[in-house]
N, C-alpha and C. Protein backbone atom coordinates (compact mmCIF):
# COMPACT_ATOMS: atom_id res chain seq x y z
N MET A 1 18.74 -1.95 36.18
CA MET A 1 17.49 -2.50 35.24
C MET A 1 16.52 -1.17 35.12
N SER A 2 16.20 -1.04 34.00
CA SER A 2 15.31 0.21 33.29
C SER A 2 13.68 0.21 33.89
N THR A 3 13.33 0.89 34.43
CA THR A 3 11.80 0.44 34.72
C THR A 3 10.87 1.34 33.65
N LYS A 4 9.84 1.01 33.28
CA LYS A 4 9.23 1.33 32.10
C LYS A 4 7.55 1.69 32.96
N THR A 5 7.36 2.97 32.15
CA THR A 5 6.24 3.87 32.87
C THR A 5 5.05 4.04 31.79
N LYS A 6 3.94 3.56 31.82
CA LYS A 6 2.75 3.56 30.98
C LYS A 6 2.45 4.63 30.70
N ILE A 7 2.61 5.25 29.50
CA ILE A 7 2.22 6.76 29.38
C ILE A 7 0.60 6.63 29.02
N LEU A 8 0.48 5.69 28.03
CA LEU A 8 -1.12 5.56 27.54
C LEU A 8 -1.55 3.88 27.39
N ASP A 9 -2.55 3.76 27.88
CA ASP A 9 -3.23 2.41 27.84
C ASP A 9 -3.84 2.11 26.48
N SER A 10 -4.27 1.00 26.53
CA SER A 10 -5.17 0.34 24.99
C SER A 10 -6.22 1.39 24.96
N ILE A 11 -6.98 1.87 26.19
CA ILE A 11 -8.17 2.77 25.86
C ILE A 11 -7.55 3.96 25.34
N GLY A 12 -6.74 4.41 25.77
CA GLY A 12 -6.24 5.67 25.60
C GLY A 12 -5.70 5.67 23.98
N ILE A 13 -5.09 4.68 23.54
CA ILE A 13 -4.65 4.72 22.22
C ILE A 13 -5.75 4.59 21.22
N SER A 14 -6.77 4.06 21.17
CA SER A 14 -8.06 3.65 20.85
C SER A 14 -8.75 5.48 20.75
N GLN A 15 -8.53 5.72 21.71
CA GLN A 15 -9.47 7.15 21.72
C GLN A 15 -8.55 8.30 21.09
N LYS A 16 -7.07 8.01 21.20
CA LYS A 16 -6.22 9.05 20.18
C LYS A 16 -6.27 8.47 18.85
N ILE A 17 -6.25 7.17 18.32
CA ILE A 17 -6.86 7.11 16.76
C ILE A 17 -8.02 7.46 16.50
N LYS A 18 -9.16 7.34 17.03
CA LYS A 18 -10.31 7.93 16.59
C LYS A 18 -10.46 9.38 16.56
N ARG A 19 -9.62 10.16 17.52
CA ARG A 19 -9.68 11.46 17.18
C ARG A 19 -8.79 11.89 15.94
N LEU A 20 -7.49 11.15 16.05
CA LEU A 20 -6.65 11.56 14.83
C LEU A 20 -7.60 11.22 13.47
N ALA A 21 -8.24 10.14 13.55
CA ALA A 21 -9.34 9.95 12.37
C ALA A 21 -10.16 10.69 11.89
N TRP A 22 -10.60 11.65 12.85
CA TRP A 22 -11.75 12.51 12.81
C TRP A 22 -10.93 14.02 12.36
N GLU A 23 -9.84 13.98 12.90
CA GLU A 23 -8.93 15.20 12.44
C GLU A 23 -8.56 15.29 10.74
N ILE A 24 -8.12 14.03 10.34
CA ILE A 24 -7.91 13.91 9.02
C ILE A 24 -9.39 13.83 8.20
N TYR A 25 -10.30 13.32 8.68
CA TYR A 25 -11.67 13.63 7.94
C TYR A 25 -12.13 14.93 7.97
N GLU A 26 -11.96 15.74 8.97
CA GLU A 26 -12.31 17.17 8.70
C GLU A 26 -11.50 17.84 7.84
N ASN A 27 -10.23 17.86 7.97
CA ASN A 27 -9.74 18.21 7.11
C ASN A 27 -9.15 17.95 5.64
N ASN A 28 -10.11 17.06 5.23
CA ASN A 28 -10.27 16.42 3.93
C ASN A 28 -11.75 16.01 3.55
N LEU A 29 -12.67 16.98 3.91
CA LEU A 29 -14.06 16.50 3.69
C LEU A 29 -14.17 16.42 2.11
N GLN A 30 -13.55 17.15 1.31
CA GLN A 30 -13.90 17.08 -0.11
C GLN A 30 -13.26 16.27 -0.90
N GLU A 31 -12.60 15.58 -0.53
CA GLU A 31 -11.83 14.30 -1.36
C GLU A 31 -12.46 13.29 -1.58
N LYS A 32 -12.15 12.35 -2.68
CA LYS A 32 -12.80 11.30 -3.01
C LYS A 32 -11.94 10.45 -2.53
N GLU A 33 -10.61 10.16 -2.22
CA GLU A 33 -9.81 9.14 -1.71
C GLU A 33 -8.87 9.61 -1.22
N ILE A 34 -8.27 9.05 0.05
CA ILE A 34 -7.04 9.37 0.44
C ILE A 34 -6.33 8.15 0.74
N ILE A 35 -4.93 8.25 0.94
CA ILE A 35 -4.02 7.07 0.78
C ILE A 35 -3.23 7.20 2.17
N PHE A 36 -3.51 6.13 2.73
CA PHE A 36 -2.81 5.83 4.10
C PHE A 36 -1.51 5.04 3.93
N VAL A 37 -0.43 5.61 4.05
CA VAL A 37 0.96 4.85 3.75
C VAL A 37 1.65 4.79 5.29
N GLY A 38 1.85 3.74 5.90
CA GLY A 38 2.35 3.54 7.10
C GLY A 38 4.07 3.22 6.99
N VAL A 39 4.86 3.70 7.61
CA VAL A 39 6.19 3.22 7.69
C VAL A 39 6.42 1.82 8.06
N SER A 40 7.04 1.15 7.63
CA SER A 40 6.82 -0.18 7.84
C SER A 40 7.26 -0.55 9.52
N GLY A 41 6.57 -1.53 9.91
CA GLY A 41 6.77 -2.03 11.40
C GLY A 41 5.29 -1.41 12.06
N ARG A 42 5.71 -0.77 12.90
CA ARG A 42 4.50 -0.20 13.98
C ARG A 42 3.68 0.81 12.92
N GLY A 43 4.39 1.72 12.34
CA GLY A 43 3.76 2.63 11.62
C GLY A 43 2.72 2.12 10.55
N GLU A 44 3.27 0.82 10.03
CA GLU A 44 2.20 0.31 9.14
C GLU A 44 0.83 -0.37 9.81
N VAL A 45 1.34 -1.02 11.15
CA VAL A 45 0.01 -1.44 12.10
C VAL A 45 -0.98 -0.05 12.34
N LEU A 46 -0.25 0.96 12.69
CA LEU A 46 -1.01 2.32 12.91
C LEU A 46 -1.72 2.92 11.73
N ALA A 47 -1.09 2.52 10.53
CA ALA A 47 -1.94 3.20 9.51
C ALA A 47 -3.24 2.11 9.05
N LYS A 48 -3.12 1.15 9.64
CA LYS A 48 -4.39 -0.06 9.19
C LYS A 48 -5.37 0.02 10.54
N HIS A 49 -4.77 0.39 11.73
CA HIS A 49 -6.00 0.96 12.87
C HIS A 49 -6.38 2.21 12.26
N LEU A 50 -5.97 3.11 12.05
CA LEU A 50 -6.32 4.37 11.58
C LEU A 50 -7.42 4.79 10.51
N SER A 51 -6.85 3.70 9.23
CA SER A 51 -7.87 3.53 8.33
C SER A 51 -9.03 2.99 8.66
N GLU A 52 -9.23 1.97 9.50
CA GLU A 52 -10.45 1.23 9.96
C GLU A 52 -11.29 2.15 10.78
N GLU A 53 -10.59 2.98 11.53
CA GLU A 53 -11.27 4.08 12.07
C GLU A 53 -12.01 5.16 11.36
N PHE A 54 -11.08 5.58 10.31
CA PHE A 54 -11.52 6.38 9.48
C PHE A 54 -12.48 5.96 8.49
N ASN A 55 -12.85 4.77 8.32
CA ASN A 55 -13.63 4.03 7.44
C ASN A 55 -14.72 4.07 7.97
N GLU A 56 -14.88 3.81 9.40
CA GLU A 56 -16.14 4.04 9.97
C GLU A 56 -17.00 5.20 9.96
N ILE A 57 -16.16 6.42 10.10
CA ILE A 57 -16.99 7.64 10.21
C ILE A 57 -16.76 8.63 8.78
N SER A 58 -16.43 7.94 7.88
CA SER A 58 -16.40 8.49 6.60
C SER A 58 -17.06 7.52 5.38
N SER A 59 -17.33 8.24 4.16
CA SER A 59 -17.70 7.28 3.26
C SER A 59 -16.74 7.63 2.21
N ILE A 60 -15.45 8.28 2.28
CA ILE A 60 -14.16 8.83 1.34
C ILE A 60 -13.64 7.27 1.18
N ARG A 61 -13.25 7.05 -0.22
CA ARG A 61 -12.55 5.76 -0.27
C ARG A 61 -10.87 5.86 0.42
N THR A 62 -10.31 4.48 0.78
CA THR A 62 -9.10 4.90 1.36
C THR A 62 -8.44 3.48 0.77
N LYS A 63 -7.39 3.64 0.64
CA LYS A 63 -6.25 2.91 0.14
C LYS A 63 -5.05 2.88 1.24
N ILE A 64 -4.59 1.58 1.42
CA ILE A 64 -3.59 1.38 2.65
C ILE A 64 -2.10 0.90 1.98
N GLY A 65 -1.08 1.46 2.10
CA GLY A 65 0.05 1.01 1.76
C GLY A 65 1.21 1.29 2.65
N THR A 66 2.18 0.53 2.49
CA THR A 66 3.44 0.24 3.40
C THR A 66 4.80 1.14 2.44
N ILE A 67 5.34 1.95 2.92
CA ILE A 67 6.50 2.39 2.77
C ILE A 67 7.92 1.93 3.80
N SER A 68 8.80 1.29 3.33
CA SER A 68 9.93 0.35 3.68
C SER A 68 11.29 1.09 3.63
N LEU A 69 11.94 1.53 4.46
CA LEU A 69 13.25 2.26 4.51
C LEU A 69 14.29 1.87 5.70
N ASP A 70 15.19 1.96 5.61
CA ASP A 70 16.41 1.74 6.50
C ASP A 70 16.49 3.10 7.42
N LYS A 71 15.88 2.80 8.87
CA LYS A 71 15.47 3.91 9.64
C LYS A 71 16.73 4.36 10.36
N ASP A 72 17.96 3.70 10.16
CA ASP A 72 19.31 4.12 10.81
C ASP A 72 20.12 4.71 9.64
N ASN A 73 19.76 4.41 8.41
CA ASN A 73 20.36 4.58 7.02
C ASN A 73 19.65 5.03 5.88
N PRO A 74 18.94 5.79 5.89
CA PRO A 74 17.67 5.81 5.00
C PRO A 74 18.32 5.92 3.42
N TYR A 75 19.55 6.70 3.37
CA TYR A 75 20.00 7.41 2.24
C TYR A 75 20.98 6.35 1.66
N GLN A 76 21.05 5.01 2.32
CA GLN A 76 22.16 4.07 1.72
C GLN A 76 21.32 2.97 1.04
N LYS A 77 19.69 2.76 1.31
CA LYS A 77 19.27 1.52 0.84
C LYS A 77 18.11 2.25 -0.04
N GLU A 78 17.36 1.76 -0.90
CA GLU A 78 16.09 1.97 -1.59
C GLU A 78 15.29 2.07 -0.85
N ILE A 79 14.20 3.22 -0.86
CA ILE A 79 13.26 3.14 -0.26
C ILE A 79 12.05 2.74 -1.17
N VAL A 80 11.15 1.70 -0.70
CA VAL A 80 10.23 0.96 -1.45
C VAL A 80 8.81 1.19 -0.87
N THR A 81 7.77 1.12 -1.72
CA THR A 81 6.17 1.16 -1.28
C THR A 81 5.62 0.01 -1.62
N THR A 82 4.76 -0.42 -1.16
CA THR A 82 3.90 -1.61 -1.70
C THR A 82 2.83 -0.76 -2.37
N LEU A 83 2.84 0.46 -2.90
CA LEU A 83 1.74 1.25 -3.67
C LEU A 83 2.43 1.29 -5.36
N ASP A 84 2.10 1.31 -5.97
CA ASP A 84 2.45 1.71 -7.49
C ASP A 84 2.34 3.19 -7.33
N GLU A 85 3.20 4.34 -8.07
CA GLU A 85 3.38 5.35 -8.06
C GLU A 85 2.08 6.08 -8.78
N LEU A 86 1.05 5.24 -9.44
CA LEU A 86 0.10 5.75 -10.00
C LEU A 86 -1.23 5.72 -9.07
N GLU A 87 -1.11 4.94 -8.00
CA GLU A 87 -2.12 4.70 -6.97
C GLU A 87 -2.12 5.93 -6.30
N TYR A 88 -0.93 6.43 -5.95
CA TYR A 88 -1.09 7.75 -5.29
C TYR A 88 -0.82 9.17 -5.70
N SER A 89 -0.65 9.12 -7.29
CA SER A 89 -0.41 10.15 -7.81
C SER A 89 -1.92 11.08 -7.96
N ASN A 90 -1.48 12.41 -7.86
CA ASN A 90 -2.66 13.45 -7.56
C ASN A 90 -3.69 13.12 -6.81
N LYS A 91 -3.44 12.45 -5.73
CA LYS A 91 -4.24 12.14 -4.30
C LYS A 91 -3.60 12.63 -3.39
N VAL A 92 -4.58 12.56 -2.06
CA VAL A 92 -4.42 12.64 -0.70
C VAL A 92 -3.24 11.88 -0.23
N VAL A 93 -2.25 11.90 0.45
CA VAL A 93 -1.33 10.92 1.15
C VAL A 93 -1.20 11.41 2.38
N VAL A 94 -1.64 10.20 3.24
CA VAL A 94 -1.22 10.48 4.87
C VAL A 94 -0.28 9.51 5.13
N LEU A 95 1.03 10.13 5.52
CA LEU A 95 2.16 9.61 5.91
C LEU A 95 2.00 9.10 7.19
N ILE A 96 2.21 7.75 7.90
CA ILE A 96 2.17 7.42 9.08
C ILE A 96 3.39 6.99 9.86
N ASP A 97 3.44 7.35 11.33
CA ASP A 97 4.70 6.49 11.94
C ASP A 97 4.07 6.45 13.51
N ASP A 98 4.64 5.61 13.94
CA ASP A 98 4.38 5.39 15.30
C ASP A 98 4.73 6.67 16.63
N VAL A 99 6.24 6.71 16.27
CA VAL A 99 7.01 8.04 17.04
C VAL A 99 7.89 8.93 16.22
N LEU A 100 7.68 10.10 16.48
CA LEU A 100 8.26 11.08 15.88
C LEU A 100 9.60 11.49 16.86
N ASN A 101 10.84 11.25 16.70
CA ASN A 101 11.76 11.21 17.43
C ASN A 101 12.86 12.51 16.98
N SER A 102 13.72 12.10 15.88
CA SER A 102 14.47 13.20 15.53
C SER A 102 13.90 13.50 14.06
N GLY A 103 13.06 12.98 13.63
CA GLY A 103 12.58 13.42 12.37
C GLY A 103 13.39 12.72 10.92
N LYS A 104 14.07 11.93 11.36
CA LYS A 104 14.72 11.48 9.70
C LYS A 104 13.85 10.48 9.26
N THR A 105 13.39 9.46 10.11
CA THR A 105 12.61 8.29 9.35
C THR A 105 11.22 9.38 8.40
N LEU A 106 10.80 10.36 9.08
CA LEU A 106 9.69 10.82 8.65
C LEU A 106 9.96 11.77 7.44
N MET A 107 11.20 12.39 7.47
CA MET A 107 11.85 13.04 6.42
C MET A 107 12.22 12.33 5.37
N TYR A 108 12.63 11.35 5.05
CA TYR A 108 13.06 10.47 3.98
C TYR A 108 11.76 9.66 3.77
N ALA A 109 11.23 9.25 4.53
CA ALA A 109 9.59 8.90 4.08
C ALA A 109 8.92 9.72 3.08
N ALA A 110 8.71 10.94 3.46
CA ALA A 110 8.40 12.07 3.00
C ALA A 110 8.77 12.22 1.31
N LYS A 111 10.11 12.40 1.66
CA LYS A 111 10.84 12.82 0.13
C LYS A 111 10.62 11.77 -0.87
N HIS A 112 10.53 10.74 -0.39
CA HIS A 112 9.97 9.60 -1.42
C HIS A 112 8.73 9.96 -2.18
N PHE A 113 8.00 10.70 -1.49
CA PHE A 113 6.72 11.24 -2.53
C PHE A 113 6.50 12.80 -3.08
N LEU A 114 7.97 13.30 -2.83
CA LEU A 114 8.20 14.38 -3.47
C LEU A 114 8.38 14.66 -5.07
N THR A 115 8.43 13.33 -5.53
CA THR A 115 8.89 13.15 -7.38
C THR A 115 7.71 13.17 -7.86
N THR A 116 6.26 13.10 -7.19
CA THR A 116 5.13 12.63 -7.68
C THR A 116 3.89 13.47 -7.52
N PRO A 117 3.37 14.22 -8.50
CA PRO A 117 2.57 15.12 -7.94
C PRO A 117 1.25 14.76 -6.99
N LEU A 118 1.23 15.20 -6.17
CA LEU A 118 0.19 15.04 -5.13
C LEU A 118 -0.87 15.98 -4.61
N LEU A 119 -2.08 16.01 -4.36
CA LEU A 119 -2.98 16.94 -4.03
C LEU A 119 -2.40 17.29 -2.75
N LYS A 120 -1.89 16.63 -1.84
CA LYS A 120 -1.63 16.92 -0.49
C LYS A 120 -0.77 15.88 0.25
N LEU A 121 0.04 16.38 1.00
CA LEU A 121 1.03 15.28 2.29
C LEU A 121 0.84 15.74 3.16
N SER A 122 0.30 14.91 4.13
CA SER A 122 0.07 15.26 5.63
C SER A 122 0.71 14.22 6.40
N THR A 123 1.57 14.48 7.51
CA THR A 123 2.06 13.35 8.40
C THR A 123 1.30 13.11 9.93
N VAL A 124 1.28 12.09 9.98
CA VAL A 124 0.73 11.60 11.28
C VAL A 124 1.61 10.77 12.28
N VAL A 125 1.73 10.99 13.56
CA VAL A 125 2.41 10.26 14.56
C VAL A 125 1.73 10.03 15.75
N LEU A 126 1.60 8.91 16.18
CA LEU A 126 1.02 8.69 17.51
C LEU A 126 1.32 9.30 18.45
N VAL A 127 2.95 9.66 18.68
CA VAL A 127 3.83 10.11 19.67
C VAL A 127 4.87 10.83 19.09
N ASP A 128 4.85 12.19 19.47
CA ASP A 128 5.67 13.28 19.39
C ASP A 128 6.64 13.46 20.39
N ARG A 129 8.13 13.38 20.10
CA ARG A 129 9.03 13.63 21.49
C ARG A 129 9.42 14.88 21.25
N THR A 130 9.41 15.52 20.03
CA THR A 130 9.98 17.07 19.85
C THR A 130 11.52 17.19 20.24
N HIS A 131 12.01 16.27 19.87
CA HIS A 131 13.41 16.11 19.60
C HIS A 131 14.05 16.41 18.03
N ASN A 132 13.03 17.12 17.40
CA ASN A 132 13.52 16.96 15.84
C ASN A 132 14.97 17.67 15.74
N ARG A 133 15.36 16.88 14.83
CA ARG A 133 16.85 17.28 14.36
C ARG A 133 17.05 17.60 12.66
N PHE A 134 15.68 17.11 12.18
CA PHE A 134 15.15 17.49 10.89
C PHE A 134 14.08 18.55 10.32
N PRO A 135 13.97 19.17 9.71
CA PRO A 135 12.91 19.91 9.15
C PRO A 135 11.80 19.62 9.05
N ILE A 136 10.91 18.74 9.86
CA ILE A 136 9.75 18.20 9.77
C ILE A 136 8.72 18.00 10.77
N LYS A 137 7.47 18.29 10.73
CA LYS A 137 6.83 18.21 11.94
C LYS A 137 5.77 17.10 11.58
N ALA A 138 5.11 16.87 12.56
CA ALA A 138 3.84 16.16 12.27
C ALA A 138 2.82 17.21 12.12
N ASP A 139 1.67 16.95 10.98
CA ASP A 139 0.23 17.75 11.00
C ASP A 139 -0.79 17.04 11.77
N TYR A 140 -0.60 15.84 12.47
CA TYR A 140 -1.57 15.32 13.25
C TYR A 140 -0.97 14.60 14.40
N VAL A 141 -0.94 14.87 15.66
CA VAL A 141 -0.05 14.24 16.59
C VAL A 141 -1.25 13.58 17.50
N GLY A 142 -0.94 12.38 18.12
CA GLY A 142 -2.19 11.49 19.09
C GLY A 142 -1.45 12.13 20.58
N GLN A 143 -0.10 12.12 20.54
CA GLN A 143 0.36 12.41 22.29
C GLN A 143 1.61 12.98 22.25
N SER A 144 2.05 14.10 22.43
CA SER A 144 3.31 14.94 22.90
C SER A 144 3.70 14.73 23.74
N ILE A 145 5.17 14.42 24.12
CA ILE A 145 5.71 13.82 25.19
C ILE A 145 6.98 14.29 25.40
N ALA A 146 7.26 14.97 26.77
CA ALA A 146 8.54 15.70 26.92
C ALA A 146 9.07 14.59 27.31
N THR A 147 10.33 14.45 26.74
CA THR A 147 11.28 13.38 27.25
C THR A 147 12.73 13.85 27.16
N THR A 148 13.80 13.23 27.60
CA THR A 148 15.03 13.40 27.62
C THR A 148 15.52 12.47 26.47
N LEU A 149 16.63 12.93 25.94
CA LEU A 149 17.31 12.18 24.92
C LEU A 149 17.66 10.58 25.13
N LYS A 150 17.90 10.43 26.52
CA LYS A 150 18.20 9.11 26.79
C LYS A 150 17.04 8.36 27.17
N GLU A 151 15.86 8.72 27.48
CA GLU A 151 14.74 8.01 27.51
C GLU A 151 14.33 7.49 26.02
N TYR A 152 13.46 6.09 26.30
CA TYR A 152 13.16 5.42 25.06
C TYR A 152 11.45 5.33 25.50
N VAL A 153 10.96 5.72 23.77
CA VAL A 153 9.36 5.63 23.80
C VAL A 153 9.05 4.14 23.20
N ASN A 154 8.18 3.29 23.78
CA ASN A 154 8.10 1.93 22.99
C ASN A 154 6.63 2.14 22.84
N VAL A 155 5.89 1.81 21.64
CA VAL A 155 4.86 1.84 21.27
C VAL A 155 4.47 0.29 21.12
N LYS A 156 3.45 -0.23 21.68
CA LYS A 156 2.84 -1.64 21.40
C LYS A 156 1.17 -1.47 21.00
N LEU A 157 0.85 -1.72 19.50
CA LEU A 157 -0.47 -1.40 19.13
C LEU A 157 -1.25 -2.60 19.04
N ASP A 158 -0.79 -3.83 19.47
CA ASP A 158 -1.47 -4.83 19.65
C ASP A 158 -1.30 -5.98 20.67
N GLY A 159 -2.26 -6.80 20.87
CA GLY A 159 -2.14 -7.52 22.11
C GLY A 159 -2.20 -7.10 23.58
N GLU A 160 -1.94 -7.99 24.44
CA GLU A 160 -2.40 -7.45 26.15
C GLU A 160 -1.63 -6.36 26.46
N GLU A 161 -0.49 -6.28 26.18
CA GLU A 161 0.51 -5.03 26.23
C GLU A 161 0.13 -3.62 25.54
N LYS A 162 -0.91 -3.71 24.96
CA LYS A 162 -0.94 -2.72 24.10
C LYS A 162 -0.71 -1.37 25.00
N GLY A 163 0.05 -0.35 24.59
CA GLY A 163 0.48 0.78 25.26
C GLY A 163 1.42 1.72 24.77
N ILE A 164 1.69 2.92 25.42
CA ILE A 164 2.95 3.54 25.24
C ILE A 164 3.52 3.50 26.47
N TYR A 165 4.99 3.16 26.12
CA TYR A 165 5.86 3.03 27.67
C TYR A 165 6.94 4.16 27.35
N LEU A 166 7.35 4.34 28.22
CA LEU A 166 8.63 5.29 28.51
C LEU A 166 9.68 4.22 29.48
N SER A 167 10.67 4.52 28.93
CA SER A 167 11.73 3.50 29.75
C SER A 167 13.28 4.30 29.55
């Protein structure tokens, strides 16, 4: 039986999201619009929360989208976004996921945007495990956690069990 250790509670997650929103704002003060794109699933939920916090502190227009890919085999299936290429072309794109583990998901998601001219592409993760096997890093990190490869980080962004758990 595996035990779960709560790393961050609901209040802690909210504080991290607020801080991430401020960091993104401070690094993009001159922009007119920022596109928040969440990796389907928890990255998508995090993008929504982050966008809401960002809109509370900034008058910069935002748009939210989702990028869907097979996280285990991203090279075998088509990567799809809910945004048309014209909606993010020549704009600042912030790519968001919940956990940066090996870097594979974030790498393939970022690769999708490299065929379109962008002003800037930034990456955000709520948790960075620092086990990167791919040459990608998060520009904005909520929490870095030193874990073993056998440990699992589970992020719950809504509901009564909202928190970050290590098992």
